[in-house]
C-alpha atoms as a PDB file:
ATOM      1  CA  MET A   1      -0.143  -0.233   0.054  1.00  0.00           C
ATOM      2  CA  ASN A   2       1.230   3.736  -0.859  1.00  0.00           C
ATOM      3  CA  SER A   3       0.578   6.506   1.368  1.00  0.00           C
ATOM      4  CA  TYR A   4       0.317  10.240   0.085  1.00  0.00           C
ATOM      5  CA  PRO A   5      -0.096  13.396   2.104  1.00  0.00           C
ATOM      6  CA  ALA A   6      -3.031  15.287   2.383  1.00  0.00           C
ATOM      7  CA  ASN A   7      -4.693  17.973   4.202  1.00  0.00           C
ATOM      8  CA  GLU A   8      -8.473  17.880   6.055  1.00  0.00           C
ATOM      9  CA  GLN A   9     -10.355  19.615   2.988  1.00  0.00           C
ATOM     10  CA  ARG A  10      -8.773  17.364   0.583  1.00  0.00           C
ATOM     11  CA  ILE A  11      -9.547  14.213   3.182  1.00  0.00           C
ATOM     12  CA  SER A  12     -13.043  15.162   3.671  1.00  0.00           C
ATOM     13  CA  GLU A  13     -13.867  15.357  -0.028  1.00  0.00           C
ATOM     14  CA  ILE A  14     -12.585  12.213  -0.733  1.00  0.00           C
ATOM     15  CA  GLU A  15     -14.492  11.002   2.245  1.00  0.00           C
ATOM     16  CA  ARG A  16     -17.744  12.401   0.901  1.00  0.00           C
ATOM     17  CA  GLY A  17     -17.174  11.093  -2.877  1.00  0.00           C
ATOM     18  CA  ARG A  18     -16.742  14.539  -3.971  1.00  0.00           C
ATOM     19  CA  SER A  19     -13.377  13.668  -5.044  1.00  0.00           C
ATOM     20  CA  CYS A  20     -11.849  10.349  -6.712  1.00  0.00           C
ATOM     21  CA  GLY A  21      -8.864  11.145  -8.544  1.00  0.00           C
ATOM     22  CA  ALA A  22      -5.695  12.159  -7.969  1.00  0.00           C
ATOM     23  CA  VAL A  23      -2.259  13.035  -9.480  1.00  0.00           C
ATOM     24  CA  VAL A  24       0.705  11.533  -7.915  1.00  0.00           C
ATOM     25  CA  PRO A  25       4.314  11.122  -8.052  1.00  0.00           C
ATOM     26  CA  LEU A  26       4.922   7.515  -8.820  1.00  0.00           C
ATOM     27  CA  PRO A  27       6.687   5.727  -5.588  1.00  0.00           C
ATOM     28  CA  PRO A  28      10.315   5.270  -6.538  1.00  0.00           C
ATOM     29  CA  GLY A  29      11.149   1.952  -7.581  1.00  0.00           C
ATOM     30  CA  GLY A  30       7.345   0.704  -7.306  1.00  0.00           C
ATOM     31  CA  SER A  31       3.946   0.534  -9.165  1.00  0.00           C
ATOM     32  CA  LEU A  32       0.333   1.254  -8.944  1.00  0.00           C
ATOM     33  CA  ALA A  33      -2.455  -0.691 -10.461  1.00  0.00           C
ATOM     34  CA  VAL A  34      -6.071  -1.198 -10.620  1.00  0.00           C
ATOM     35  CA  GLY A  35      -7.017  -2.752  -7.235  1.00  0.00           C
ATOM     36  CA  ASP A  36      -4.226  -1.327  -5.596  1.00  0.00           C
ATOM     37  CA  THR A  37      -4.882   0.411  -2.225  1.00  0.00           C
ATOM     38  CA  VAL A  38      -3.594   3.958  -1.408  1.00  0.00           C
ATOM     39  CA  LEU A  39      -4.016   6.118   2.002  1.00  0.00           C
ATOM     40  CA  PHE A  40      -4.097   9.655   1.985  1.00  0.00           C
ATOM     41  CA  ALA A  41      -3.159  10.445   5.161  1.00  0.00           C
ATOM     42  CA  LEU A  42      -3.164  14.165   7.024  1.00  0.00           C
ATOM     43  CA  SER A  43       0.110  15.903   6.557  1.00  0.00           C
ATOM     44  CA  GLN A  44       2.025  19.143   7.877  1.00  0.00           C
ATOM     45  CA  SER A  45       4.292  20.932   5.636  1.00  0.00           C
ATOM     46  CA  ARG A  46       6.860  23.821   6.286  1.00  0.00           C
ATOM     47  CA  ALA A  47       8.254  25.799   3.428  1.00  0.00           C
ATOM     48  CA  GLY A  48      10.923  24.301   1.994  1.00  0.00           C
ATOM     49  CA  GLN A  49      10.341  21.015   3.515  1.00  0.00           C
ATOM     50  CA  GLN A  50       9.093  17.637   2.661  1.00  0.00           C
ATOM     51  CA  PRO A  51       5.309  17.029   4.312  1.00  0.00           C
ATOM     52  CA  SER A  52       5.508  14.984   7.411  1.00  0.00           C
ATOM     53  CA  TYR A  53       2.590  12.981   8.637  1.00  0.00           C
ATOM     54  CA  VAL A  54       0.506  13.890  11.632  1.00  0.00           C
ATOM     55  CA  LYS A  55       0.598  11.226  14.199  1.00  0.00           C
ATOM     56  CA  GLY A  56      -2.885   9.912  14.963  1.00  0.00           C
ATOM     57  CA  GLY A  57      -4.285  12.131  12.176  1.00  0.00           C
ATOM     58  CA  ASP A  58      -7.059  11.690   9.907  1.00  0.00           C
ATOM     59  CA  SER A  59      -6.807   9.396   6.835  1.00  0.00           C
ATOM     60  CA  VAL A  60      -8.784   7.703   3.892  1.00  0.00           C
ATOM     61  CA  LEU A  61      -8.281   4.317   2.136  1.00  0.00           C
ATOM     62  CA  VAL A  62      -9.104   4.019  -1.929  1.00  0.00           C
ATOM     63  CA  SER A  63      -9.125   0.670  -3.977  1.00  0.00           C
ATOM     64  CA  LEU A  64      -7.863   2.149  -7.352  1.00  0.00           C
ATOM     65  CA  THR A  65     -10.219   1.543 -10.236  1.00  0.00           C
ATOM     66  CA  ASP A  66      -7.976   3.201 -13.041  1.00  0.00           C
ATOM     67  CA  VAL A  67      -3.794   4.432 -12.714  1.00  0.00           C
ATOM     68  CA  VAL A  68      -2.763   6.408 -16.084  1.00  0.00           C
ATOM     69  CA  ASP A  69       0.836   7.089 -16.760  1.00  0.00           C
ATOM     70  CA  LEU A  70       0.792  10.778 -17.642  1.00  0.00           C
ATOM     71  CA  GLY A  71       3.954  10.711 -19.535  1.00  0.00           C
ATOM     72  CA  THR A  72       5.626  13.248 -17.350  1.00  0.00           C
ATOM     73  CA  THR A  73       7.569  14.148 -14.118  1.00  0.00           C
ATOM     74  CA  ASP A  74       6.951  15.769 -10.924  1.00  0.00           C
ATOM     75  CA  PRO A  75       9.426  18.930 -11.387  1.00  0.00           C
ATOM     76  CA  ILE A  76      10.445  18.598  -7.862  1.00  0.00           C
ATOM     77  CA  THR A  77      11.019  15.006  -6.930  1.00  0.00           C
ATOM     78  CA  GLY A  78      11.937  13.808 -10.857  1.00  0.00           C
ATOM     79  CA  GLN A  79       9.597  10.999 -10.529  1.00  0.00           C
ATOM     80  CA  ALA A  80       6.771   9.729 -12.972  1.00  0.00           C
ATOM     81  CA  LEU A  81       3.361  11.485 -12.625  1.00  0.00           C
ATOM     82  CA  VAL A  82       0.384   9.112 -12.888  1.00  0.00           C
ATOM     83  CA  GLN A  83      -3.354   9.967 -12.187  1.00  0.00           C
ATOM     84  CA  LEU A  84      -5.500   7.807  -9.909  1.00  0.00           C
ATOM     85  CA  SER A  85      -9.006   7.173  -9.740  1.00  0.00           C
ATOM     86  CA  TRP A  86     -11.550   4.994  -7.621  1.00  0.00           C
ATOM     87  CA  LYS A  87     -15.235   5.136  -6.957  1.00  0.00           C
ATOM     88  CA  PRO A  88     -16.681   7.996  -4.972  1.00  0.00           C
ATOM     89  CA  LEU A  89     -16.946   6.943  -1.485  1.00  0.00           C
ATOM     90  CA  GLY A  90     -20.014   7.856   0.629  1.00  0.00           C
ATOM     91  CA  GLN A  91     -22.153   7.276  -2.214  1.00  0.00           C
ATOM     92  CA  GLU A  92     -23.473   3.764  -1.493  1.00  0.00           C
ATOM     93  CA  ALA A  93     -27.244   3.147  -2.103  1.00  0.00           C
ATOM     94  CA  ALA A  94     -29.161   3.050   0.968  1.00  0.00           C
ATOM     95  CA  PRO A  95     -30.515  -0.381   1.613  1.00  0.00           C
ATOM     96  CA  ALA A  96     -33.884  -1.316   0.950  1.00  0.00           C
ATOM     97  CA  PRO A  97     -36.695  -0.845   3.652  1.00  0.00           C
ATOM     98  CA  ALA A  98     -37.655  -4.460   4.708  1.00  0.00           C
ATOM     99  CA  PRO A  99     -40.962  -5.518   3.515  1.00  0.00           C
ATOM    100  CA  LYS A 100     -43.702  -5.230   5.557  1.00  0.00           C
ATOM    101  CA  ARG A 101     -45.084  -8.360   7.170  1.00  0.00           C
ATOM    102  CA  ASN A 102     -48.715  -8.955   6.983  1.00  0.00           C
ATOM    103  CA  ALA A 103     -49.935  -9.100  10.951  1.00  0.00           C
ATOM    104  CA  LYS A 104     -52.530 -11.377  11.891  1.00  0.00           C
ATOM    105  CA  ALA A 105     -54.973 -10.242  13.957  1.00  0.00           C
ATOM    106  CA  ARG A 106     -55.058 -12.134  17.277  1.00  0.00           C
ATOM    107  CA  SER A 107     -58.338 -12.838  18.846  1.00  0.00           C
ATOM    108  CA  PRO A 108     -58.126 -11.936  22.963  1.00  0.00           C
ATOM    109  CA  HIS A 109     -58.190 -14.521  25.265  1.00  0.00           C
ATOM    110  CA  LYS A 110     -61.371 -15.288  27.218  1.00  0.00           C
ATOM    111  CA  ALA A 111     -60.550 -15.932  30.982  1.00  0.00           C
ATOM    112  CA  VAL A 112     -62.523 -18.680  32.008  1.00  0.00           C
END
């Protein structure tokens, strides 16, 4: 599984199904394929430094449905860029209501 840094807004958009894609650098010596899982985890960044993950911070896990090599590299890292896609989260259909049972009328018991 590969992890990528994200801010709170990005994580929230993915969780609510408002975002279902990202352009990310391919991990060094690694690969990404349909069916792989990717974790977007809360991170902090300071000017001129790599982002660092927040211990105990929010995260969201997605399962990839498409991976496209963009044929270009990240100007900062020099790594190949890929476009990832996944099914929107949080938009599963609500379960169908349970069928109503026909209740049989009971006749009251008479005390003898």
